Amino acid sequence: MSSITPIGQRVLVKRLEAEEITAGGIVLPDTAKEKPQEATVVSLGTGGKDDSGKTLEFAVKVGDTVLITKYGGTEVKVAGEDLLILSEDDIIGILNS
């Protein structure tokens, strides 16, 4: 899907679409929408090692739907798609379906 591979303990995600209509039925313009905190994992980084040299395992996998910190990561555009590269530490949970 993407031509970018994150380095180290970073994860490439795609934010899920923000709600366009409030619970009261008000349609929100793009400028009033908050950035969604839910995203889908697109790609995992190359990994890392702890202080003792042991390989660190990712807690997430490609395809997981995750909760991310509100202002974490770096926005990138790849092949016309808006993506976000963030540290695995900026993922605060995995959403279970």
PDB file of N, CA and C in Angstrom:
ATOM      1  N   MET A   1       0.814  -1.190   0.000  1.00  0.00           N
ATOM      2  CA  MET A   1       0.000   0.000   0.000  1.00  0.00           C
ATOM      3  C   MET A   1       0.858   1.254   0.000  1.00  0.00           C
ATOM      4  N   SER A   2       1.906   1.268   0.800  1.00  0.00           N
ATOM      5  CA  SER A   2       2.717   2.470   0.948  1.00  0.00           C
ATOM      6  C   SER A   2       4.135   2.201   0.479  1.00  0.00           C
ATOM      7  N   SER A   3       4.783   3.237  -0.022  1.00  0.00           N
ATOM      8  CA  SER A   3       6.165   3.101  -0.470  1.00  0.00           C
ATOM      9  C   SER A   3       7.118   3.651   0.586  1.00  0.00           C
ATOM     10  N   ILE A   4       6.691   3.707   1.830  1.00  0.00           N
ATOM     11  CA  ILE A   4       7.517   4.229   2.919  1.00  0.00           C
ATOM     12  C   ILE A   4       7.616   3.166   4.006  1.00  0.00           C
ATOM     13  N   THR A   5       8.817   2.964   4.533  1.00  0.00           N
ATOM     14  CA  THR A   5       9.013   2.066   5.661  1.00  0.00           C
ATOM     15  C   THR A   5       9.584   2.885   6.805  1.00  0.00           C
ATOM     16  N   PRO A   6       8.895   2.953   7.923  1.00  0.00           N
ATOM     17  CA  PRO A   6       9.420   3.693   9.064  1.00  0.00           C
ATOM     18  C   PRO A   6      10.708   3.049   9.570  1.00  0.00           C
ATOM     19  N   ILE A   7      11.527   3.842  10.240  1.00  0.00           N
ATOM     20  CA  ILE A   7      12.788   3.364  10.812  1.00  0.00           C
ATOM     21  C   ILE A   7      12.606   3.183  12.321  1.00  0.00           C
ATOM     22  N   GLY A   8      13.234   2.173  12.891  1.00  0.00           N
ATOM     23  CA  GLY A   8      13.204   1.960  14.336  1.00  0.00           C
ATOM     24  C   GLY A   8      11.831   1.571  14.836  1.00  0.00           C
ATOM     25  N   GLN A   9      11.506   2.024  16.042  1.00  0.00           N
ATOM     26  CA  GLN A   9      10.242   1.678  16.700  1.00  0.00           C
ATOM     27  C   GLN A   9       9.132   2.644  16.282  1.00  0.00           C
ATOM     28  N   ARG A  10       9.056   2.967  15.011  1.00  0.00           N
ATOM     29  CA  ARG A  10       8.017   3.850  14.496  1.00  0.00           C
ATOM     30  C   ARG A  10       6.985   3.044  13.718  1.00  0.00           C
ATOM     31  N   VAL A  11       5.798   3.628  13.617  1.00  0.00           N
ATOM     32  CA  VAL A  11       4.675   2.966  12.975  1.00  0.00           C
ATOM     33  C   VAL A  11       4.041   3.940  11.995  1.00  0.00           C
ATOM     34  N   LEU A  12       3.670   3.462  10.820  1.00  0.00           N
ATOM     35  CA  LEU A  12       2.971   4.262   9.818  1.00  0.00           C
ATOM     36  C   LEU A  12       1.493   3.942   9.936  1.00  0.00           C
ATOM     37  N   VAL A  13       0.665   4.982  10.132  1.00  0.00           N
ATOM     38  CA  VAL A  13      -0.772   4.774  10.292  1.00  0.00           C
ATOM     39  C   VAL A  13      -1.549   5.700   9.368  1.00  0.00           C
ATOM     40  N   LYS A  14      -2.795   5.327   9.139  1.00  0.00           N
ATOM     41  CA  LYS A  14      -3.732   6.170   8.398  1.00  0.00           C
ATOM     42  C   LYS A  14      -4.877   6.489   9.344  1.00  0.00           C
ATOM     43  N   ARG A  15      -5.083   7.789   9.579  1.00  0.00           N
ATOM     44  CA  ARG A  15      -6.181   8.203  10.460  1.00  0.00           C
ATOM     45  C   ARG A  15      -7.512   7.803   9.844  1.00  0.00           C
ATOM     46  N   LEU A  16      -8.442   7.395  10.699  1.00  0.00           N
ATOM     47  CA  LEU A  16      -9.796   7.115  10.246  1.00  0.00           C
ATOM     48  C   LEU A  16     -10.505   8.447  10.041  1.00  0.00           C
ATOM     49  N   GLU A  17     -11.507   8.468   9.197  1.00  0.00           N
ATOM     50  CA  GLU A  17     -12.220   9.707   8.881  1.00  0.00           C
ATOM     51  C   GLU A  17     -12.917  10.269  10.110  1.00  0.00           C
ATOM     52  N   ALA A  18     -12.888  11.605  10.232  1.00  0.00           N
ATOM     53  CA  ALA A  18     -13.562  12.287  11.332  1.00  0.00           C
ATOM     54  C   ALA A  18     -15.056  12.325  11.066  1.00  0.00           C
ATOM     55  N   GLU A  19     -15.818  12.381  12.133  1.00  0.00           N
ATOM     56  CA  GLU A  19     -17.264  12.489  12.014  1.00  0.00           C
ATOM     57  C   GLU A  19     -17.628  13.811  11.350  1.00  0.00           C
ATOM     58  N   GLU A  20     -18.541  13.771  10.408  1.00  0.00           N
ATOM     59  CA  GLU A  20     -18.964  14.985   9.710  1.00  0.00           C
ATOM     60  C   GLU A  20     -20.264  15.549  10.267  1.00  0.00           C
ATOM     61  N   ILE A  21     -20.997  14.725  11.017  1.00  0.00           N
ATOM     62  CA  ILE A  21     -22.277  15.166  11.569  1.00  0.00           C
ATOM     63  C   ILE A  21     -22.267  14.879  13.066  1.00  0.00           C
ATOM     64  N   THR A  22     -22.633  15.883  13.875  1.00  0.00           N
ATOM     65  CA  THR A  22     -22.675  15.704  15.322  1.00  0.00           C
ATOM     66  C   THR A  22     -23.884  14.859  15.708  1.00  0.00           C
ATOM     67  N   ALA A  23     -23.932  14.473  16.971  1.00  0.00           N
ATOM     68  CA  ALA A  23     -25.066  13.688  17.463  1.00  0.00           C
ATOM     69  C   ALA A  23     -26.377  14.457  17.317  1.00  0.00           C
ATOM     70  N   GLY A  24     -26.299  15.793  17.340  1.00  0.00           N
ATOM     71  CA  GLY A  24     -27.491  16.628  17.184  1.00  0.00           C
ATOM     72  C   GLY A  24     -27.860  16.899  15.740  1.00  0.00           C
ATOM     73  N   GLY A  25     -27.085  16.347  14.789  1.00  0.00           N
ATOM     74  CA  GLY A  25     -27.397  16.495  13.373  1.00  0.00           C
ATOM     75  C   GLY A  25     -26.757  17.688  12.693  1.00  0.00           C
ATOM     76  N   ILE A  26     -25.819  18.367  13.370  1.00  0.00           N
ATOM     77  CA  ILE A  26     -25.148  19.525  12.777  1.00  0.00           C
ATOM     78  C   ILE A  26     -23.994  19.032  11.907  1.00  0.00           C
ATOM     79  N   VAL A  27     -23.939  19.516  10.664  1.00  0.00           N
ATOM     80  CA  VAL A  27     -22.869  19.144   9.742  1.00  0.00           C
ATOM     81  C   VAL A  27     -21.667  20.036  10.028  1.00  0.00           C
ATOM     82  N   LEU A  28     -20.513  19.422  10.256  1.00  0.00           N
ATOM     83  CA  LEU A  28     -19.300  20.170  10.576  1.00  0.00           C
ATOM     84  C   LEU A  28     -18.464  20.428   9.325  1.00  0.00           C
ATOM     85  N   PRO A  29     -17.987  21.671   9.119  1.00  0.00           N
ATOM     86  CA  PRO A  29     -17.049  21.922   8.036  1.00  0.00           C
ATOM     87  C   PRO A  29     -15.682  21.336   8.398  1.00  0.00           C
ATOM     88  N   ASP A  30     -14.817  21.127   7.407  1.00  0.00           N
ATOM     89  CA  ASP A  30     -13.500  20.539   7.652  1.00  0.00           C
ATOM     90  C   ASP A  30     -12.713  21.302   8.713  1.00  0.00           C
ATOM     91  N   THR A  31     -12.831  22.629   8.736  1.00  0.00           N
ATOM     92  CA  THR A  31     -12.049  23.430   9.673  1.00  0.00           C
ATOM     93  C   THR A  31     -12.498  23.243  11.112  1.00  0.00           C
ATOM     94  N   ALA A  32     -13.690  22.759  11.358  1.00  0.00           N
ATOM     95  CA  ALA A  32     -14.204  22.579  12.714  1.00  0.00           C
ATOM     96  C   ALA A  32     -13.995  21.165  13.246  1.00  0.00           C
ATOM     97  N   LYS A  33     -13.579  20.255  12.381  1.00  0.00           N
ATOM     98  CA  LYS A  33     -13.407  18.861  12.802  1.00  0.00           C
ATOM     99  C   LYS A  33     -12.110  18.711  13.589  1.00  0.00           C
ATOM    100  N   GLU A  34     -12.169  17.901  14.638  1.00  0.00           N
ATOM    101  CA  GLU A  34     -10.950  17.544  15.341  1.00  0.00           C
ATOM    102  C   GLU A  34     -10.270  16.409  14.586  1.00  0.00           C
ATOM    103  N   LYS A  35      -8.949  16.345  14.718  1.00  0.00           N
ATOM    104  CA  LYS A  35      -8.248  15.229  14.093  1.00  0.00           C
ATOM    105  C   LYS A  35      -8.652  13.955  14.827  1.00  0.00           C
ATOM    106  N   PRO A  36      -9.010  12.925  14.077  1.00  0.00           N
ATOM    107  CA  PRO A  36      -9.419  11.683  14.740  1.00  0.00           C
ATOM    108  C   PRO A  36      -8.244  11.041  15.461  1.00  0.00           C
ATOM    109  N   GLN A  37      -8.537  10.392  16.583  1.00  0.00           N
ATOM    110  CA  GLN A  37      -7.500   9.716  17.338  1.00  0.00           C
ATOM    111  C   GLN A  37      -7.473   8.223  17.039  1.00  0.00           C
ATOM    112  N   GLU A  38      -8.332   7.785  16.126  1.00  0.00           N
ATOM    113  CA  GLU A  38      -8.330   6.384  15.715  1.00  0.00           C
ATOM    114  C   GLU A  38      -7.626   6.282  14.370  1.00  0.00           C
ATOM    115  N   ALA A  39      -6.819   5.232  14.221  1.00  0.00           N
ATOM    116  CA  ALA A  39      -6.065   5.046  12.985  1.00  0.00           C
ATOM    117  C   ALA A  39      -5.876   3.563  12.725  1.00  0.00           C
ATOM    118  N   THR A  40      -5.550   3.240  11.483  1.00  0.00           N
ATOM    119  CA  THR A  40      -5.249   1.873  11.094  1.00  0.00           C
ATOM    120  C   THR A  40      -3.752   1.772  10.824  1.00  0.00           C
ATOM    121  N   VAL A  41      -3.115   0.736  11.372  1.00  0.00           N
ATOM    122  CA  VAL A  41      -1.677   0.524  11.174  1.00  0.00           C
ATOM    123  C   VAL A  41      -1.443   0.058   9.741  1.00  0.00           C
ATOM    124  N   VAL A  42      -0.598   0.803   9.015  1.00  0.00           N
ATOM    125  CA  VAL A  42      -0.295   0.506   7.620  1.00  0.00           C
ATOM    126  C   VAL A  42       1.021  -0.264   7.506  1.00  0.00           C
ATOM    127  N   SER A  43       2.021   0.135   8.309  1.00  0.00           N
ATOM    128  CA  SER A  43       3.348  -0.457   8.200  1.00  0.00           C
ATOM    129  C   SER A  43       4.089  -0.313   9.522  1.00  0.00           C
ATOM    130  N   LEU A  44       4.951  -1.271   9.822  1.00  0.00           N
ATOM    131  CA  LEU A  44       5.778  -1.219  11.028  1.00  0.00           C
ATOM    132  C   LEU A  44       7.202  -0.866  10.653  1.00  0.00           C
ATOM    133  N   GLY A  45       7.900  -0.251  11.599  1.00  0.00           N
ATOM    134  CA  GLY A  45       9.288   0.136  11.377  1.00  0.00           C
ATOM    135  C   GLY A  45      10.227  -1.057  11.352  1.00  0.00           C
ATOM    136  N   THR A  46      11.507  -0.742  11.297  1.00  0.00           N
ATOM    137  CA  THR A  46      12.535  -1.762  11.213  1.00  0.00           C
ATOM    138  C   THR A  46      12.828  -2.404  12.558  1.00  0.00           C
ATOM    139  N   GLY A  47      12.270  -1.842  13.632  1.00  0.00           N
ATOM    140  CA  GLY A  47      12.455  -2.399  14.972  1.00  0.00           C
ATOM    141  C   GLY A  47      13.584  -1.708  15.700  1.00  0.00           C
ATOM    142  N   GLY A  48      13.823  -2.154  16.895  1.00  0.00           N
ATOM    143  CA  GLY A  48      14.871  -1.549  17.708  1.00  0.00           C
ATOM    144  C   GLY A  48      15.391  -2.564  18.708  1.00  0.00           C
ATOM    145  N   LYS A  49      16.339  -2.105  19.520  1.00  0.00           N
ATOM    146  CA  LYS A  49      16.930  -2.959  20.545  1.00  0.00           C
ATOM    147  C   LYS A  49      16.946  -2.189  21.862  1.00  0.00           C
ATOM    148  N   ASP A  50      16.793  -2.926  22.965  1.00  0.00           N
ATOM    149  CA  ASP A  50      16.867  -2.275  24.266  1.00  0.00           C
ATOM    150  C   ASP A  50      18.329  -2.112  24.676  1.00  0.00           C
ATOM    151  N   ASP A  51      18.567  -1.623  25.888  1.00  0.00           N
ATOM    152  CA  ASP A  51      19.932  -1.348  26.350  1.00  0.00           C
ATOM    153  C   ASP A  51      20.810  -2.587  26.411  1.00  0.00           C
ATOM    154  N   SER A  52      20.198  -3.756  26.584  1.00  0.00           N
ATOM    155  CA  SER A  52      20.979  -4.993  26.665  1.00  0.00           C
ATOM    156  C   SER A  52      21.158  -5.662  25.300  1.00  0.00           C
ATOM    157  N   GLY A  53      20.605  -5.034  24.232  1.00  0.00           N
ATOM    158  CA  GLY A  53      20.755  -5.584  22.891  1.00  0.00           C
ATOM    159  C   GLY A  53      19.638  -6.526  22.473  1.00  0.00           C
ATOM    160  N   LYS A  54      18.655  -6.723  23.339  1.00  0.00           N
ATOM    161  CA  LYS A  54      17.527  -7.600  23.032  1.00  0.00           C
ATOM    162  C   LYS A  54      16.594  -6.887  22.052  1.00  0.00           C
ATOM    163  N   THR A  55      16.117  -7.621  21.034  1.00  0.00           N
ATOM    164  CA  THR A  55      15.212  -7.054  20.039  1.00  0.00           C
ATOM    165  C   THR A  55      13.869  -6.730  20.677  1.00  0.00           C
ATOM    166  N   LEU A  56      13.365  -5.533  20.386  1.00  0.00           N
ATOM    167  CA  LEU A  56      12.066  -5.104  20.899  1.00  0.00           C
ATOM    168  C   LEU A  56      10.973  -5.547  19.936  1.00  0.00           C
ATOM    169  N   GLU A  57       9.942  -6.153  20.455  1.00  0.00           N
ATOM    170  CA  GLU A  57       8.804  -6.602  19.651  1.00  0.00           C
ATOM    171  C   GLU A  57       7.753  -5.501  19.594  1.00  0.00           C
ATOM    172  N   PHE A  58       7.083  -5.356  18.454  1.00  0.00           N
ATOM    173  CA  PHE A  58       5.983  -4.408  18.341  1.00  0.00           C
ATOM    174  C   PHE A  58       4.752  -4.979  19.036  1.00  0.00           C
ATOM    175  N   ALA A  59       3.997  -4.114  19.710  1.00  0.00           N
ATOM    176  CA  ALA A  59       2.757  -4.535  20.372  1.00  0.00           C
ATOM    177  C   ALA A  59       1.583  -4.509  19.398  1.00  0.00           C
ATOM    178  N   VAL A  60       1.774  -3.891  18.235  1.00  0.00           N
ATOM    179  CA  VAL A  60       0.718  -3.797  17.227  1.00  0.00           C
ATOM    180  C   VAL A  60       1.148  -4.534  15.975  1.00  0.00           C
ATOM    181  N   LYS A  61       0.178  -4.792  15.098  1.00  0.00           N
ATOM    182  CA  LYS A  61       0.502  -5.413  13.810  1.00  0.00           C
ATOM    183  C   LYS A  61      -0.234  -4.664  12.707  1.00  0.00           C
ATOM    184  N   VAL A  62       0.186  -4.868  11.484  1.00  0.00           N
ATOM    185  CA  VAL A  62      -0.450  -4.221  10.336  1.00  0.00           C
ATOM    186  C   VAL A  62      -1.922  -4.614  10.309  1.00  0.00           C
ATOM    187  N   GLY A  63      -2.782  -3.613  10.124  1.00  0.00           N
ATOM    188  CA  GLY A  63      -4.217  -3.850  10.075  1.00  0.00           C
ATOM    189  C   GLY A  63      -4.936  -3.550  11.376  1.00  0.00           C
ATOM    190  N   ASP A  64      -4.189  -3.437  12.488  1.00  0.00           N
ATOM    191  CA  ASP A  64      -4.815  -3.106  13.770  1.00  0.00           C
ATOM    192  C   ASP A  64      -5.424  -1.709  13.726  1.00  0.00           C
ATOM    193  N   THR A  65      -6.544  -1.526  14.401  1.00  0.00           N
ATOM    194  CA  THR A  65      -7.118  -0.197  14.608  1.00  0.00           C
ATOM    195  C   THR A  65      -6.676   0.241  15.989  1.00  0.00           C
ATOM    196  N   VAL A  66      -6.027   1.399  16.058  1.00  0.00           N
ATOM    197  CA  VAL A  66      -5.405   1.853  17.298  1.00  0.00           C
ATOM    198  C   VAL A  66      -5.883   3.242  17.685  1.00  0.00           C
ATOM    199  N   LEU A  67      -5.705   3.567  18.965  1.00  0.00           N
ATOM    200  CA  LEU A  67      -5.908   4.920  19.473  1.00  0.00           C
ATOM    201  C   LEU A  67      -4.540   5.569  19.556  1.00  0.00           C
ATOM    202  N   ILE A  68      -4.423   6.786  19.029  1.00  0.00           N
ATOM    203  CA  ILE A  68      -3.132   7.477  19.038  1.00  0.00           C
ATOM    204  C   ILE A  68      -3.265   8.781  19.815  1.00  0.00           C
ATOM    205  N   THR A  69      -2.133   9.301  20.274  1.00  0.00           N
ATOM    206  CA  THR A  69      -2.148  10.576  20.974  1.00  0.00           C
ATOM    207  C   THR A  69      -2.607  11.664  20.020  1.00  0.00           C
ATOM    208  N   LYS A  70      -3.190  12.697  20.558  1.00  0.00           N
ATOM    209  CA  LYS A  70      -3.823  13.727  19.749  1.00  0.00           C
ATOM    210  C   LYS A  70      -2.836  14.485  18.862  1.00  0.00           C
ATOM    211  N   TYR A  71      -1.664  14.804  19.398  1.00  0.00           N
ATOM    212  CA  TYR A  71      -0.734  15.651  18.646  1.00  0.00           C
ATOM    213  C   TYR A  71       0.585  14.959  18.317  1.00  0.00           C
ATOM    214  N   GLY A  72       0.649  13.649  18.439  1.00  0.00           N
ATOM    215  CA  GLY A  72       1.891  12.933  18.169  1.00  0.00           C
ATOM    216  C   GLY A  72       2.115  12.684  16.688  1.00  0.00           C
ATOM    217  N   GLY A  73       3.342  12.379  16.335  1.00  0.00           N
ATOM    218  CA  GLY A  73       3.666  11.958  14.984  1.00  0.00           C
ATOM    219  C   GLY A  73       3.952  13.067  14.000  1.00  0.00           C
ATOM    220  N   THR A  74       4.317  12.651  12.805  1.00  0.00           N
ATOM    221  CA  THR A  74       4.637  13.545  11.702  1.00  0.00           C
ATOM    222  C   THR A  74       3.760  13.185  10.520  1.00  0.00           C
ATOM    223  N   GLU A  75       3.033  14.174  10.019  1.00  0.00           N
ATOM    224  CA  GLU A  75       2.157  13.922   8.876  1.00  0.00           C
ATOM    225  C   GLU A  75       2.978  13.859   7.594  1.00  0.00           C
ATOM    226  N   VAL A  76       2.664  12.871   6.758  1.00  0.00           N
ATOM    227  CA  VAL A  76       3.322  12.710   5.463  1.00  0.00           C
ATOM    228  C   VAL A  76       2.255  12.420   4.419  1.00  0.00           C
ATOM    229  N   LYS A  77       2.564  12.752   3.176  1.00  0.00           N
ATOM    230  CA  LYS A  77       1.655  12.453   2.067  1.00  0.00           C
ATOM    231  C   LYS A  77       2.399  11.511   1.130  1.00  0.00           C
ATOM    232  N   VAL A  78       1.833  10.328   0.932  1.00  0.00           N
ATOM    233  CA  VAL A  78       2.452   9.320   0.081  1.00  0.00           C
ATOM    234  C   VAL A  78       1.425   8.898  -0.957  1.00  0.00           C
ATOM    235  N   ALA A  79       1.769   9.056  -2.224  1.00  0.00           N
ATOM    236  CA  ALA A  79       0.882   8.684  -3.331  1.00  0.00           C
ATOM    237  C   ALA A  79      -0.502   9.309  -3.154  1.00  0.00           C
ATOM    238  N   GLY A  80      -0.535  10.572  -2.728  1.00  0.00           N
ATOM    239  CA  GLY A  80      -1.790  11.282  -2.573  1.00  0.00           C
ATOM    240  C   GLY A  80      -2.577  10.923  -1.323  1.00  0.00           C
ATOM    241  N   GLU A  81      -2.002  10.091  -0.461  1.00  0.00           N
ATOM    242  CA  GLU A  81      -2.687   9.643   0.739  1.00  0.00           C
ATOM    243  C   GLU A  81      -2.054  10.297   1.970  1.00  0.00           C
ATOM    244  N   ASP A  82      -2.890  10.825   2.869  1.00  0.00           N
ATOM    245  CA  ASP A  82      -2.398  11.443   4.100  1.00  0.00           C
ATOM    246  C   ASP A  82      -2.151  10.361   5.135  1.00  0.00           C
ATOM    247  N   LEU A  83      -0.889  10.232   5.570  1.00  0.00           N
ATOM    248  CA  LEU A  83      -0.499   9.228   6.551  1.00  0.00           C
ATOM    249  C   LEU A  83       0.223   9.912   7.702  1.00  0.00           C
ATOM    250  N   LEU A  84       0.534   9.149   8.734  1.00  0.00           N
ATOM    251  CA  LEU A  84       1.183   9.678   9.916  1.00  0.00           C
ATOM    252  C   LEU A  84       2.236   8.680  10.371  1.00  0.00           C
ATOM    253  N   ILE A  85       3.460   9.166  10.585  1.00  0.00           N
ATOM    254  CA  ILE A  85       4.520   8.326  11.156  1.00  0.00           C
ATOM    255  C   ILE A  85       4.654   8.733  12.613  1.00  0.00           C
ATOM    256  N   LEU A  86       4.546   7.758  13.505  1.00  0.00           N
ATOM    257  CA  LEU A  86       4.672   8.075  14.916  1.00  0.00           C
ATOM    258  C   LEU A  86       5.428   6.986  15.645  1.00  0.00           C
ATOM    259  N   SER A  87       5.932   7.346  16.799  1.00  0.00           N
ATOM    260  CA  SER A  87       6.613   6.382  17.641  1.00  0.00           C
ATOM    261  C   SER A  87       5.575   5.409  18.195  1.00  0.00           C
ATOM    262  N   GLU A  88       5.969   4.169  18.401  1.00  0.00           N
ATOM    263  CA  GLU A  88       5.032   3.216  18.977  1.00  0.00           C
ATOM    264  C   GLU A  88       4.547   3.701  20.338  1.00  0.00           C
ATOM    265  N   ASP A  89       5.338   4.518  21.017  1.00  0.00           N
ATOM    266  CA  ASP A  89       4.924   5.080  22.312  1.00  0.00           C
ATOM    267  C   ASP A  89       3.738   6.023  22.181  1.00  0.00           C
ATOM    268  N   ASP A  90       3.490   6.562  20.974  1.00  0.00           N
ATOM    269  CA  ASP A  90       2.347   7.457  20.752  1.00  0.00           C
ATOM    270  C   ASP A  90       1.044   6.690  20.503  1.00  0.00           C
ATOM    271  N   ILE A  91       1.129   5.367  20.482  1.00  0.00           N
ATOM    272  CA  ILE A  91      -0.074   4.528  20.385  1.00  0.00           C
ATOM    273  C   ILE A  91      -0.482   4.201  21.813  1.00  0.00           C
ATOM    274  N   ILE A  92      -1.719   4.580  22.155  1.00  0.00           N
ATOM    275  CA  ILE A  92      -2.139   4.406  23.544  1.00  0.00           C
ATOM    276  C   ILE A  92      -3.078   3.221  23.751  1.00  0.00           C
ATOM    277  N   GLY A  93      -3.467   2.567  22.671  1.00  0.00           N
ATOM    278  CA  GLY A  93      -4.320   1.395  22.815  1.00  0.00           C
ATOM    279  C   GLY A  93      -4.681   0.768  21.492  1.00  0.00           C
ATOM    280  N   ILE A  94      -5.062  -0.494  21.543  1.00  0.00           N
ATOM    281  CA  ILE A  94      -5.548  -1.220  20.366  1.00  0.00           C
ATOM    282  C   ILE A  94      -7.048  -1.397  20.553  1.00  0.00           C
ATOM    283  N   LEU A  95      -7.828  -1.000  19.547  1.00  0.00           N
ATOM    284  CA  LEU A  95      -9.292  -1.129  19.619  1.00  0.00           C
ATOM    285  C   LEU A  95      -9.690  -2.538  19.214  1.00  0.00           C
ATOM    286  N   ASN A  96     -10.479  -3.166  20.044  1.00  0.00           N
ATOM    287  CA  ASN A  96     -10.956  -4.517  19.759  1.00  0.00           C
ATOM    288  C   ASN A  96     -12.337  -4.412  19.135  1.00  0.00           C
ATOM    289  N   SER A  97     -12.572  -5.159  18.058  1.00  0.00           N
ATOM    290  CA  SER A  97     -13.874  -5.110  17.395  1.00  0.00           C
ATOM    291  C   SER A  97     -14.858  -6.020  18.050  1.00  0.00           C
TER     292      SER A  97
END
